Amino acid sequence: MGGSPGSGGVIARLFVQATFFVLCDTYATELPSVRPPDVIPLGVSAMPLYIVPKGDVQATPTKRLNDQTLRDLAHRAANEEVGAANFETKLSYKFADDRITEVDLTFMLTIEMPVWPNYGHRPEAERREWDRFYRALLEHEQGHIAIFRREARGTFTVLLAEQRSTIEDKLVQETERIQRLSDAYDRDTDHGRKQKTSNGTTIIVAR
């Protein structure tokens, strides 16, 4: 993140780049969020929120689970996180004296999902349960993404009210605030184990 000197009218742009497009943010709407300031500095014109790409994007398969059986996987999933949703921000801006004249803020959202290499060698019943668990986990991670997407615009609006000397610290504060909301979602749902998604919970049932 950083700034460079400039002049002229205020230009404001917000880009959100997502590796998964969230269709439902039911849970996220129940969480407390930032209230944008009532007054945006004179001359600021916030551009639309862009989500790139606009359609569904496959989650990234990043974690190999080398457990042999579904029972082994159930034990692992009960004791550690096997999926993750994250966000990163990139900020650039221009200023005249201490006044912000242009802001570009990018939210980069990612979902990481597990891979079970032994899947094809297991009985059909185990594969069906893995498939159900995977869908439930993906729904849980989408809840994180919904929080990030919902809060992105509020963060952008808050930054528009800052000055050159405060904008970067404010972004750090906003990043920490959004992460706290995400952590609260995990605590409330026990990482999906207590969450009733359309595919059940993220507890693997191994018989």
Protein backbone atom coordinates (compact mmCIF):
# COMPACT_ATOMS: atom_id res chain seq x y z
CA MET A 1 0.00 0.00 0.00
CA GLY A 2 1.19 3.52 -0.61
CA GLY A 3 0.50 6.98 -1.90
CA SER A 4 1.82 9.37 -4.49
CA PRO A 5 1.34 13.11 -4.89
CA GLY A 6 -1.30 14.40 -7.27
CA SER A 7 -3.94 17.03 -7.78
CA GLY A 8 -7.37 17.64 -9.26
CA GLY A 9 -10.79 16.29 -8.33
CA VAL A 10 -11.30 13.25 -6.18
CA ILE A 11 -11.52 9.95 -7.99
CA ALA A 12 -12.65 6.90 -6.04
CA ARG A 13 -12.58 3.34 -7.26
CA LEU A 14 -13.21 0.07 -5.46
CA PHE A 15 -12.38 -3.27 -6.99
CA VAL A 16 -13.21 -6.62 -5.41
CA GLN A 17 -11.47 -9.62 -6.91
CA ALA A 18 -12.95 -12.93 -5.78
CA THR A 19 -11.92 -16.51 -6.35
CA PHE A 20 -15.45 -17.56 -5.41
CA PHE A 21 -18.68 -15.72 -6.22
CA VAL A 22 -21.05 -15.91 -3.27
CA LEU A 23 -24.73 -16.28 -4.09
CA CYS A 24 -26.04 -16.24 -0.51
CA ASP A 25 -24.97 -14.21 2.48
CA THR A 26 -27.78 -15.17 4.87
CA TYR A 27 -25.54 -15.62 7.88
CA ALA A 28 -23.38 -12.59 7.16
CA THR A 29 -26.30 -10.22 7.25
CA GLU A 30 -26.86 -11.12 10.90
CA LEU A 31 -23.42 -9.93 11.97
CA PRO A 32 -22.65 -6.39 13.13
CA SER A 33 -20.98 -4.26 10.51
CA VAL A 34 -19.45 -0.85 10.15
CA ARG A 35 -21.79 2.08 9.54
CA PRO A 36 -20.37 4.32 6.79
CA PRO A 37 -20.10 8.00 7.68
CA ASP A 38 -23.15 10.11 6.88
CA VAL A 39 -21.04 12.68 5.07
CA ILE A 40 -18.49 11.82 2.40
CA PRO A 41 -15.89 14.54 1.72
CA LEU A 42 -16.94 17.04 -0.91
CA GLY A 43 -15.99 15.94 -4.40
CA VAL A 44 -15.76 12.21 -3.62
CA SER A 45 -17.69 10.04 -6.04
CA ALA A 46 -17.62 6.36 -5.15
CA MET A 47 -17.59 4.06 -8.19
CA PRO A 48 -19.61 0.81 -8.28
CA LEU A 49 -18.35 -2.26 -6.45
CA TYR A 50 -16.74 -4.62 -8.95
CA ILE A 51 -16.51 -8.36 -8.37
CA VAL A 52 -14.09 -10.06 -10.72
CA PRO A 53 -15.02 -12.51 -12.10
CA LYS A 54 -18.78 -12.04 -12.08
CA GLY A 55 -19.68 -15.73 -12.26
CA ASP A 56 -18.88 -18.80 -10.23
CA VAL A 57 -15.19 -19.47 -9.69
CA GLN A 58 -13.84 -22.78 -8.51
CA ALA A 59 -12.36 -22.85 -5.04
CA THR A 60 -8.65 -23.61 -4.99
CA PRO A 61 -7.76 -27.19 -3.95
CA THR A 62 -4.79 -26.57 -1.70
CA LYS A 63 -4.74 -29.06 1.17
CA ARG A 64 -4.02 -32.74 0.51
CA LEU A 65 -5.54 -35.07 3.07
CA ASN A 66 -3.57 -38.30 2.88
CA ASP A 67 -5.80 -40.17 5.33
CA GLN A 68 -6.61 -43.68 4.16
CA THR A 69 -10.21 -44.03 5.35
CA LEU A 70 -13.19 -41.79 6.00
CA ARG A 71 -12.88 -42.55 9.70
CA ASP A 72 -9.36 -41.11 9.64
CA LEU A 73 -10.69 -38.04 7.85
CA ALA A 74 -13.47 -37.63 10.41
CA HIS A 75 -10.92 -37.51 13.20
CA ARG A 76 -8.84 -34.91 11.34
CA ALA A 77 -11.83 -32.71 10.46
CA ALA A 78 -12.98 -32.77 14.08
CA ASN A 79 -9.66 -31.37 15.29
CA GLU A 80 -8.40 -29.01 12.61
CA GLU A 81 -9.55 -26.70 9.84
CA VAL A 82 -9.31 -28.34 6.43
CA GLY A 83 -10.76 -25.41 4.48
CA ALA A 84 -10.19 -21.68 4.61
CA ALA A 85 -11.48 -18.38 3.27
CA ASN A 86 -9.19 -15.35 3.29
CA PHE A 87 -8.98 -11.80 2.08
CA GLU A 88 -6.17 -9.41 1.28
CA THR A 89 -6.35 -5.73 0.49
CA LYS A 90 -4.32 -3.55 -1.83
CA LEU A 91 -4.54 0.21 -1.44
CA SER A 92 -3.15 2.99 -3.59
CA TYR A 93 -4.02 6.66 -3.46
CA LYS A 94 -3.04 10.13 -4.55
CA PHE A 95 -3.07 13.28 -2.50
CA ALA A 96 -2.56 17.02 -2.53
CA ASP A 97 -1.02 18.26 0.71
CA ASP A 98 -2.78 16.02 3.27
CA ARG A 99 -6.00 15.74 1.28
CA ILE A 100 -6.80 12.45 -0.47
CA THR A 101 -7.66 13.05 -4.13
CA GLU A 102 -7.84 9.50 -5.46
CA VAL A 103 -8.35 6.10 -3.83
CA ASP A 104 -8.03 2.62 -5.36
CA LEU A 105 -8.88 -0.27 -3.04
CA THR A 106 -8.83 -3.92 -4.07
CA PHE A 107 -10.18 -6.78 -1.99
CA MET A 108 -8.74 -10.15 -3.05
CA LEU A 109 -10.84 -13.05 -1.77
CA THR A 110 -9.86 -16.71 -1.78
CA ILE A 111 -11.34 -20.05 -0.76
CA GLU A 112 -9.06 -23.01 -0.11
CA MET A 113 -10.54 -26.50 -0.07
CA PRO A 114 -9.16 -29.96 0.74
CA VAL A 115 -8.39 -32.80 -1.63
CA TRP A 116 -8.65 -36.48 -0.64
CA PRO A 117 -6.37 -38.45 -3.01
CA ASN A 118 -7.66 -41.81 -1.74
CA TYR A 119 -11.23 -40.90 -2.65
CA GLY A 120 -11.36 -43.13 -5.74
CA HIS A 121 -10.22 -46.18 -3.78
CA ARG A 122 -12.87 -46.02 -1.04
CA PRO A 123 -16.35 -47.62 -0.92
CA GLU A 124 -19.27 -45.73 -2.42
CA ALA A 125 -20.78 -44.94 0.98
CA GLU A 126 -17.57 -43.19 2.06
CA ARG A 127 -17.40 -41.23 -1.19
CA ARG A 128 -21.00 -40.05 -0.77
CA GLU A 129 -20.31 -38.84 2.76
CA TRP A 130 -17.14 -37.06 1.63
CA ASP A 131 -19.10 -35.34 -1.13
CA ARG A 132 -21.74 -34.17 1.36
CA PHE A 133 -19.07 -32.96 3.80
CA TYR A 134 -17.25 -31.11 1.02
CA ARG A 135 -20.41 -29.27 -0.04
CA ALA A 136 -21.20 -28.36 3.59
CA LEU A 137 -17.65 -27.08 4.11
CA LEU A 138 -17.86 -25.02 0.93
CA GLU A 139 -21.11 -23.44 2.13
CA HIS A 140 -19.41 -22.58 5.41
CA GLU A 141 -16.48 -20.94 3.64
CA GLN A 142 -18.92 -19.00 1.47
CA GLY A 143 -20.20 -17.46 4.68
CA HIS A 144 -16.75 -15.98 5.29
CA ILE A 145 -16.67 -14.65 1.74
CA ALA A 146 -20.10 -13.08 2.24
CA ILE A 147 -18.76 -11.20 5.26
CA PHE A 148 -15.75 -9.92 3.32
CA ARG A 149 -17.91 -8.82 0.40
CA ARG A 150 -20.42 -7.10 2.64
CA GLU A 151 -17.76 -5.17 4.55
CA ALA A 152 -15.69 -4.13 1.53
CA ARG A 153 -17.91 -1.20 0.59
CA GLY A 154 -18.08 0.06 4.19
CA THR A 155 -14.30 -0.05 4.45
CA PHE A 156 -13.95 1.85 1.19
CA THR A 157 -16.37 4.54 2.35
CA VAL A 158 -14.51 4.92 5.63
CA LEU A 159 -11.20 5.36 3.81
CA LEU A 160 -12.65 8.13 1.67
CA ALA A 161 -13.05 10.23 4.81
CA GLU A 162 -9.38 9.84 5.82
CA GLN A 163 -6.33 12.00 5.19
CA ARG A 164 -2.95 11.07 3.81
CA SER A 165 -1.53 10.82 7.33
CA THR A 166 -4.26 8.44 8.57
CA ILE A 167 -5.50 6.37 5.63
CA GLU A 168 -3.05 3.47 5.89
CA ASP A 169 -3.54 3.06 9.64
CA LYS A 170 -7.28 3.15 9.09
CA LEU A 171 -7.01 0.35 6.54
CA VAL A 172 -5.12 -1.76 9.09
CA GLN A 173 -7.88 -1.11 11.61
CA GLU A 174 -10.55 -2.02 9.08
CA THR A 175 -8.72 -5.21 8.12
CA GLU A 176 -8.55 -6.23 11.76
CA ARG A 177 -12.22 -5.40 12.24
CA ILE A 178 -13.29 -7.55 9.31
CA GLN A 179 -11.10 -10.42 10.51
CA ARG A 180 -12.79 -10.22 13.93
CA LEU A 181 -16.18 -10.61 12.24
CA SER A 182 -14.86 -13.62 10.36
CA ASP A 183 -13.45 -15.14 13.55
CA ALA A 184 -16.78 -14.57 15.32
CA TYR A 185 -18.54 -16.46 12.52
CA ASP A 186 -16.19 -19.40 13.11
CA ARG A 187 -16.77 -19.31 16.85
CA ASP A 188 -20.54 -19.16 16.45
CA THR A 189 -20.61 -22.07 14.01
CA ASP A 190 -17.63 -24.02 15.42
CA HIS A 191 -16.11 -23.86 11.93
CA GLY A 192 -19.31 -25.23 10.45
CA ARG A 193 -19.71 -28.13 12.86
CA LYS A 194 -22.77 -26.48 14.42
CA GLN A 195 -23.97 -24.85 11.21
CA LYS A 196 -27.02 -26.27 9.47
CA THR A 197 -26.26 -25.78 5.79
CA SER A 198 -28.32 -27.26 2.98
CA ASN A 199 -25.82 -30.14 3.09
CA GLY A 200 -25.73 -30.58 6.85
CA THR A 201 -22.78 -29.77 9.09
CA THR A 202 -19.05 -30.15 8.57
CA ILE A 203 -18.96 -33.16 10.89
CA ILE A 204 -17.97 -36.25 8.90
CA VAL A 205 -20.09 -39.26 9.80
CA ALA A 206 -17.97 -42.40 9.43
CA ARG A 207 -19.72 -45.72 10.00
